[in-house]
Amino acid sequence: MALKVYAAVGGLVFQNQIPLAEAGLDALLRKYPGHALTDDALYLKAKLQRRTGDYAAAVRTLEQITGNPKYDV
């Protein structure tokens, strides 16, 4: 299920619907905490935040990744 949500968010990004994509990522992170896609979702969220000029939020989001490293593929 999480992969379907992540793919749907990718479609929103492709359509340049950034606010909806960020909301989808937030929902994914809330619904599936600790999932293998968490770091990918956080990284995509940081890229979207950087793209919209919210650099401080992007840094905070990236710190969530580095503060909780995963060792999966």
C-alpha atoms as a PDB file:
ATOM      1  CA  MET A   1       0.000   0.000   0.000  1.00  0.00           C
ATOM      2  CA  ALA A   2       2.745   2.460   0.882  1.00  0.00           C
ATOM      3  CA  LEU A   3       4.330   1.951  -2.522  1.00  0.00           C
ATOM      4  CA  LYS A   4       1.030   2.831  -4.228  1.00  0.00           C
ATOM      5  CA  VAL A   5       0.799   6.060  -2.231  1.00  0.00           C
ATOM      6  CA  TYR A   6       4.418   6.900  -3.059  1.00  0.00           C
ATOM      7  CA  ALA A   7       3.768   6.252  -6.763  1.00  0.00           C
ATOM      8  CA  ALA A   8       0.689   8.475  -6.657  1.00  0.00           C
ATOM      9  CA  VAL A   9       2.802  11.237  -5.114  1.00  0.00           C
ATOM     10  CA  GLY A  10       5.292  10.793  -7.954  1.00  0.00           C
ATOM     11  CA  GLY A  11       2.456  11.394 -10.393  1.00  0.00           C
ATOM     12  CA  LEU A  12       1.514  14.598  -8.579  1.00  0.00           C
ATOM     13  CA  VAL A  13       5.112  15.788  -8.771  1.00  0.00           C
ATOM     14  CA  PHE A  14       5.146  15.045 -12.497  1.00  0.00           C
ATOM     15  CA  GLN A  15       1.971  17.142 -12.849  1.00  0.00           C
ATOM     16  CA  ASN A  16       3.683  19.926 -10.867  1.00  0.00           C
ATOM     17  CA  GLN A  17       1.073  19.758  -8.091  1.00  0.00           C
ATOM     18  CA  ILE A  18       3.631  20.361  -5.374  1.00  0.00           C
ATOM     19  CA  PRO A  19       1.316  21.219  -2.435  1.00  0.00           C
ATOM     20  CA  LEU A  20      -0.744  18.070  -3.041  1.00  0.00           C
ATOM     21  CA  ALA A  21       2.417  16.003  -3.377  1.00  0.00           C
ATOM     22  CA  GLU A  22       3.757  17.318  -0.056  1.00  0.00           C
ATOM     23  CA  ALA A  23       0.426  16.570   1.611  1.00  0.00           C
ATOM     24  CA  GLY A  24       0.545  13.052   0.185  1.00  0.00           C
ATOM     25  CA  LEU A  25       4.047  12.526   1.527  1.00  0.00           C
ATOM     26  CA  ASP A  26       2.987  13.770   4.959  1.00  0.00           C
ATOM     27  CA  ALA A  27       0.052  11.339   4.921  1.00  0.00           C
ATOM     28  CA  LEU A  28       2.364   8.498   3.863  1.00  0.00           C
ATOM     29  CA  LEU A  29       4.797   9.262   6.671  1.00  0.00           C
ATOM     30  CA  ARG A  30       1.989   9.401   9.243  1.00  0.00           C
ATOM     31  CA  LYS A  31       0.240   6.244   8.065  1.00  0.00           C
ATOM     32  CA  TYR A  32       3.379   4.095   7.606  1.00  0.00           C
ATOM     33  CA  PRO A  33       5.952   5.185  10.212  1.00  0.00           C
ATOM     34  CA  GLY A  34       9.240   3.333   9.949  1.00  0.00           C
ATOM     35  CA  HIS A  35       8.453   1.892   6.517  1.00  0.00           C
ATOM     36  CA  ALA A  36      11.339   1.170   4.144  1.00  0.00           C
ATOM     37  CA  LEU A  37      10.137   4.085   1.985  1.00  0.00           C
ATOM     38  CA  THR A  38      10.440   6.593   4.837  1.00  0.00           C
ATOM     39  CA  ASP A  39      13.865   7.868   3.807  1.00  0.00           C
ATOM     40  CA  ASP A  40      12.778   8.101   0.155  1.00  0.00           C
ATOM     41  CA  ALA A  41       9.637  10.001   1.132  1.00  0.00           C
ATOM     42  CA  LEU A  42      11.593  12.384   3.321  1.00  0.00           C
ATOM     43  CA  TYR A  43      14.171  12.972   0.588  1.00  0.00           C
ATOM     44  CA  LEU A  44      11.475  13.693  -1.988  1.00  0.00           C
ATOM     45  CA  LYS A  45       9.769  16.035   0.470  1.00  0.00           C
ATOM     46  CA  ALA A  46      13.057  17.903   1.001  1.00  0.00           C
ATOM     47  CA  LYS A  47      13.527  18.192  -2.771  1.00  0.00           C
ATOM     48  CA  LEU A  48      10.034  19.652  -3.118  1.00  0.00           C
ATOM     49  CA  GLN A  49      10.642  22.079  -0.265  1.00  0.00           C
ATOM     50  CA  ARG A  50      13.871  23.207  -1.888  1.00  0.00           C
ATOM     51  CA  ARG A  51      12.074  23.549  -5.214  1.00  0.00           C
ATOM     52  CA  THR A  52       9.519  25.893  -3.624  1.00  0.00           C
ATOM     53  CA  GLY A  53      12.229  27.918  -1.879  1.00  0.00           C
ATOM     54  CA  ASP A  54      11.569  26.669   1.654  1.00  0.00           C
ATOM     55  CA  TYR A  55      15.219  25.938   2.349  1.00  0.00           C
ATOM     56  CA  ALA A  56      14.945  25.899   6.151  1.00  0.00           C
ATOM     57  CA  ALA A  57      12.220  23.243   6.022  1.00  0.00           C
ATOM     58  CA  ALA A  58      14.273  21.244   3.515  1.00  0.00           C
ATOM     59  CA  VAL A  59      17.227  21.233   5.910  1.00  0.00           C
ATOM     60  CA  ARG A  60      15.005  20.094   8.792  1.00  0.00           C
ATOM     61  CA  THR A  61      13.579  17.317   6.627  1.00  0.00           C
ATOM     62  CA  LEU A  62      17.037  16.147   5.570  1.00  0.00           C
ATOM     63  CA  GLU A  63      18.126  16.166   9.212  1.00  0.00           C
ATOM     64  CA  GLN A  64      15.351  13.648   9.903  1.00  0.00           C
ATOM     65  CA  ILE A  65      17.070  11.297   7.455  1.00  0.00           C
ATOM     66  CA  THR A  66      20.586  11.760   8.806  1.00  0.00           C
ATOM     67  CA  GLY A  67      19.386  11.627  12.404  1.00  0.00           C
ATOM     68  CA  ASN A  68      17.802   8.210  11.892  1.00  0.00           C
ATOM     69  CA  PRO A  69      19.933   6.239   9.419  1.00  0.00           C
ATOM     70  CA  LYS A  70      18.610   3.010   7.925  1.00  0.00           C
ATOM     71  CA  TYR A  71      20.719   0.180   6.637  1.00  0.00           C
ATOM     72  CA  ASP A  72      18.430  -1.246   3.967  1.00  0.00           C
ATOM     73  CA  VAL A  73      19.001  -1.223   0.239  1.00  0.00           C
END
